[in-house]
């Protein structure tokens, strides 16, 4: 990876695009750009900070499919 923080960000974006991996960008942490990635059974959060540091977190599904009642419960819990 490149040493320049913005180069690092753009290099990661090019790698994801070349691999045909869906992603979007967000601003969820101060001083960082978050790359949100969706692959089958997983969600990734990749934070690229102003200083070039990269944090990577994986959220993995156990394969359980929930019904609308479970959705309503979650909506109520986090409202």
N, C-alpha and C. Protein backbone atom coordinates (compact mmCIF):
# COMPACT_ATOMS: atom_id res chain seq x y z
N UNK A 1 0.83 -1.18 0.00
CA UNK A 1 0.00 0.00 0.00
C UNK A 1 0.88 1.25 0.00
N UNK A 2 0.33 2.30 -0.50
CA UNK A 2 1.04 3.56 -0.56
C UNK A 2 1.13 4.17 0.83
N UNK A 3 2.12 5.06 1.05
CA UNK A 3 2.30 5.66 2.37
C UNK A 3 1.42 6.90 2.56
N UNK A 4 1.02 7.58 1.50
CA UNK A 4 0.14 8.74 1.59
C UNK A 4 -1.26 8.28 1.96
N UNK A 5 -1.86 8.87 3.03
CA UNK A 5 -3.19 8.41 3.46
C UNK A 5 -4.25 8.42 2.36
N UNK A 6 -4.29 9.48 1.55
CA UNK A 6 -5.31 9.51 0.50
C UNK A 6 -5.00 8.48 -0.57
N UNK A 7 -3.72 8.27 -0.86
CA UNK A 7 -3.35 7.22 -1.81
C UNK A 7 -3.76 5.85 -1.29
N UNK A 8 -3.60 5.65 0.02
CA UNK A 8 -3.99 4.37 0.62
C UNK A 8 -5.49 4.15 0.45
N UNK A 9 -6.27 5.20 0.71
CA UNK A 9 -7.71 5.10 0.55
C UNK A 9 -8.07 4.75 -0.88
N UNK A 10 -7.52 5.49 -1.84
CA UNK A 10 -7.86 5.25 -3.24
C UNK A 10 -7.36 3.89 -3.72
N UNK A 11 -6.23 3.44 -3.21
CA UNK A 11 -5.74 2.11 -3.58
C UNK A 11 -6.69 1.02 -3.09
N UNK A 12 -7.18 1.16 -1.85
CA UNK A 12 -8.16 0.20 -1.34
C UNK A 12 -9.43 0.21 -2.18
N UNK A 13 -9.90 1.39 -2.56
CA UNK A 13 -11.10 1.48 -3.40
C UNK A 13 -10.88 0.81 -4.75
N UNK A 14 -9.71 1.01 -5.34
CA UNK A 14 -9.41 0.36 -6.62
C UNK A 14 -9.36 -1.17 -6.46
N UNK A 15 -8.78 -1.65 -5.36
CA UNK A 15 -8.72 -3.09 -5.12
C UNK A 15 -10.12 -3.69 -4.98
N UNK A 16 -10.98 -3.01 -4.24
CA UNK A 16 -12.35 -3.50 -4.08
C UNK A 16 -13.08 -3.51 -5.42
N UNK A 17 -12.95 -2.44 -6.18
CA UNK A 17 -13.61 -2.37 -7.49
C UNK A 17 -13.08 -3.44 -8.42
N UNK A 18 -11.77 -3.65 -8.43
CA UNK A 18 -11.19 -4.68 -9.30
C UNK A 18 -11.66 -6.07 -8.93
N UNK A 19 -11.95 -6.27 -7.64
CA UNK A 19 -12.43 -7.58 -7.17
C UNK A 19 -13.95 -7.70 -7.32
N UNK A 20 -14.59 -6.66 -7.86
CA UNK A 20 -16.05 -6.63 -8.02
C UNK A 20 -16.76 -6.80 -6.68
N UNK A 21 -16.23 -6.14 -5.66
CA UNK A 21 -16.82 -6.17 -4.32
C UNK A 21 -17.55 -4.85 -4.11
N UNK A 22 -18.83 -4.94 -3.74
CA UNK A 22 -19.67 -3.77 -3.55
C UNK A 22 -19.20 -3.02 -2.31
N UNK A 23 -19.17 -1.68 -2.42
CA UNK A 23 -18.82 -0.86 -1.26
C UNK A 23 -19.47 0.51 -1.38
N UNK A 24 -19.55 1.18 -0.26
CA UNK A 24 -19.96 2.58 -0.23
C UNK A 24 -19.08 3.29 0.79
N UNK A 25 -19.09 4.60 0.74
CA UNK A 25 -18.28 5.40 1.65
C UNK A 25 -19.17 6.09 2.66
N UNK A 26 -18.65 6.24 3.86
CA UNK A 26 -19.40 6.89 4.93
C UNK A 26 -18.43 7.69 5.79
N UNK A 27 -19.01 8.52 6.63
CA UNK A 27 -18.25 9.29 7.60
C UNK A 27 -18.79 8.93 8.97
N UNK A 28 -18.23 7.89 9.59
CA UNK A 28 -18.75 7.41 10.87
C UNK A 28 -17.81 7.68 12.04
N UNK A 29 -16.54 7.98 11.74
CA UNK A 29 -15.56 8.27 12.80
C UNK A 29 -14.81 9.54 12.44
N UNK A 30 -14.60 10.36 13.43
CA UNK A 30 -13.88 11.62 13.19
C UNK A 30 -12.47 11.33 12.68
N UNK A 31 -12.09 12.05 11.65
CA UNK A 31 -10.75 11.91 11.10
C UNK A 31 -10.55 10.68 10.25
N UNK A 32 -11.65 10.07 9.80
CA UNK A 32 -11.53 8.85 9.00
C UNK A 32 -12.61 8.81 7.94
N UNK A 33 -12.32 8.08 6.88
CA UNK A 33 -13.32 7.73 5.87
C UNK A 33 -13.60 6.25 6.07
N UNK A 34 -14.88 5.91 6.15
CA UNK A 34 -15.27 4.52 6.34
C UNK A 34 -15.71 3.93 5.01
N UNK A 35 -15.15 2.78 4.68
CA UNK A 35 -15.58 2.02 3.52
C UNK A 35 -16.46 0.90 4.04
N UNK A 36 -17.72 0.91 3.64
CA UNK A 36 -18.68 -0.13 4.03
C UNK A 36 -18.75 -1.15 2.91
N UNK A 37 -18.46 -2.41 3.23
CA UNK A 37 -18.38 -3.48 2.23
C UNK A 37 -19.44 -4.53 2.54
N UNK A 38 -20.08 -5.03 1.49
CA UNK A 38 -21.05 -6.12 1.62
C UNK A 38 -20.61 -7.27 0.74
N UNK A 39 -20.37 -8.42 1.37
CA UNK A 39 -20.09 -9.67 0.65
C UNK A 39 -21.03 -10.71 1.23
N UNK A 40 -21.26 -11.83 0.55
CA UNK A 40 -22.22 -12.82 1.05
C UNK A 40 -21.91 -13.25 2.49
N UNK A 41 -22.87 -13.01 3.37
CA UNK A 41 -22.76 -13.44 4.77
C UNK A 41 -21.92 -12.55 5.65
N UNK A 42 -21.38 -11.46 5.10
CA UNK A 42 -20.54 -10.58 5.90
C UNK A 42 -20.75 -9.12 5.53
N UNK A 43 -20.48 -8.27 6.51
CA UNK A 43 -20.38 -6.83 6.32
C UNK A 43 -19.03 -6.43 6.88
N UNK A 44 -18.32 -5.57 6.16
CA UNK A 44 -17.02 -5.08 6.63
C UNK A 44 -17.09 -3.59 6.82
N UNK A 45 -16.38 -3.10 7.83
CA UNK A 45 -16.14 -1.67 8.00
C UNK A 45 -14.64 -1.47 7.97
N UNK A 46 -14.19 -0.70 7.01
CA UNK A 46 -12.77 -0.38 6.87
C UNK A 46 -12.64 1.12 7.07
N UNK A 47 -11.94 1.52 8.13
CA UNK A 47 -11.71 2.94 8.39
C UNK A 47 -10.29 3.30 7.98
N UNK A 48 -10.17 4.33 7.15
CA UNK A 48 -8.87 4.85 6.75
C UNK A 48 -8.75 6.24 7.38
N UNK A 49 -7.79 6.38 8.29
CA UNK A 49 -7.63 7.62 9.05
C UNK A 49 -6.71 8.60 8.33
N UNK A 50 -6.76 9.84 8.78
CA UNK A 50 -5.96 10.91 8.19
C UNK A 50 -4.47 10.57 8.18
N UNK A 51 -4.00 9.82 9.19
CA UNK A 51 -2.58 9.49 9.27
C UNK A 51 -2.22 8.22 8.49
N UNK A 52 -3.22 7.63 7.80
CA UNK A 52 -2.96 6.43 7.01
C UNK A 52 -3.24 5.13 7.72
N UNK A 53 -3.54 5.19 9.02
CA UNK A 53 -3.88 3.97 9.76
C UNK A 53 -5.17 3.37 9.19
N UNK A 54 -5.23 2.05 9.17
CA UNK A 54 -6.42 1.34 8.69
C UNK A 54 -6.93 0.43 9.79
N UNK A 55 -8.23 0.57 10.12
CA UNK A 55 -8.92 -0.35 11.04
C UNK A 55 -9.90 -1.15 10.20
N UNK A 56 -10.06 -2.42 10.55
CA UNK A 56 -10.90 -3.33 9.77
C UNK A 56 -11.72 -4.17 10.74
N UNK A 57 -13.06 -4.17 10.56
CA UNK A 57 -13.94 -4.96 11.40
C UNK A 57 -14.88 -5.76 10.51
N UNK A 58 -15.15 -7.01 10.91
CA UNK A 58 -16.02 -7.92 10.15
C UNK A 58 -17.23 -8.26 11.01
N UNK A 59 -18.40 -8.17 10.41
CA UNK A 59 -19.65 -8.59 11.02
C UNK A 59 -20.14 -9.78 10.21
N UNK A 60 -20.21 -10.95 10.84
CA UNK A 60 -20.49 -12.17 10.10
C UNK A 60 -21.85 -12.75 10.49
N UNK A 61 -22.60 -13.16 9.51
CA UNK A 61 -23.92 -13.76 9.71
C UNK A 61 -23.77 -15.22 10.11
N UNK A 62 -24.67 -15.68 10.98
CA UNK A 62 -24.71 -17.10 11.30
C UNK A 62 -25.68 -17.86 10.39
N UNK A 63 -26.25 -17.12 9.42
CA UNK A 63 -27.14 -17.74 8.44
C UNK A 63 -28.61 -17.73 8.83
N UNK A 64 -28.92 -17.23 10.04
CA UNK A 64 -30.30 -17.19 10.49
C UNK A 64 -31.06 -16.12 9.71
N UNK A 65 -32.23 -16.48 9.20
CA UNK A 65 -33.11 -15.54 8.52
C UNK A 65 -34.28 -15.27 9.46
N UNK A 66 -34.51 -14.00 9.75
CA UNK A 66 -35.55 -13.60 10.69
C UNK A 66 -36.79 -13.12 9.95
N UNK A 67 -37.91 -13.12 10.65
CA UNK A 67 -39.16 -12.67 10.06
C UNK A 67 -39.41 -11.20 10.39
N UNK A 68 -40.55 -10.70 9.93
CA UNK A 68 -40.86 -9.29 10.14
C UNK A 68 -41.03 -8.95 11.62
N UNK A 69 -41.53 -9.89 12.41
CA UNK A 69 -41.69 -9.64 13.84
C UNK A 69 -40.34 -9.33 14.48
N UNK A 70 -39.32 -10.05 14.08
CA UNK A 70 -37.97 -9.79 14.61
C UNK A 70 -37.48 -8.42 14.17
N UNK A 71 -37.81 -8.03 12.94
CA UNK A 71 -37.45 -6.71 12.46
C UNK A 71 -38.11 -5.64 13.32
N UNK A 72 -39.41 -5.83 13.61
CA UNK A 72 -40.15 -4.86 14.44
C UNK A 72 -39.54 -4.76 15.83
N UNK A 73 -39.11 -5.89 16.39
CA UNK A 73 -38.46 -5.89 17.70
C UNK A 73 -37.18 -5.07 17.67
N UNK A 74 -36.38 -5.24 16.64
CA UNK A 74 -35.13 -4.49 16.52
C UNK A 74 -35.41 -3.00 16.33
N UNK A 75 -36.40 -2.68 15.50
CA UNK A 75 -36.74 -1.27 15.30
C UNK A 75 -37.15 -0.62 16.60
N UNK A 76 -37.96 -1.33 17.40
CA UNK A 76 -38.41 -0.81 18.70
C UNK A 76 -37.23 -0.66 19.65
N UNK A 77 -36.33 -1.62 19.64
CA UNK A 77 -35.18 -1.60 20.55
C UNK A 77 -34.27 -0.40 20.29
N UNK A 78 -34.08 -0.06 19.02
CA UNK A 78 -33.11 0.98 18.68
C UNK A 78 -33.75 2.33 18.33
N UNK A 79 -35.06 2.45 18.53
CA UNK A 79 -35.75 3.73 18.24
C UNK A 79 -35.55 4.68 19.40
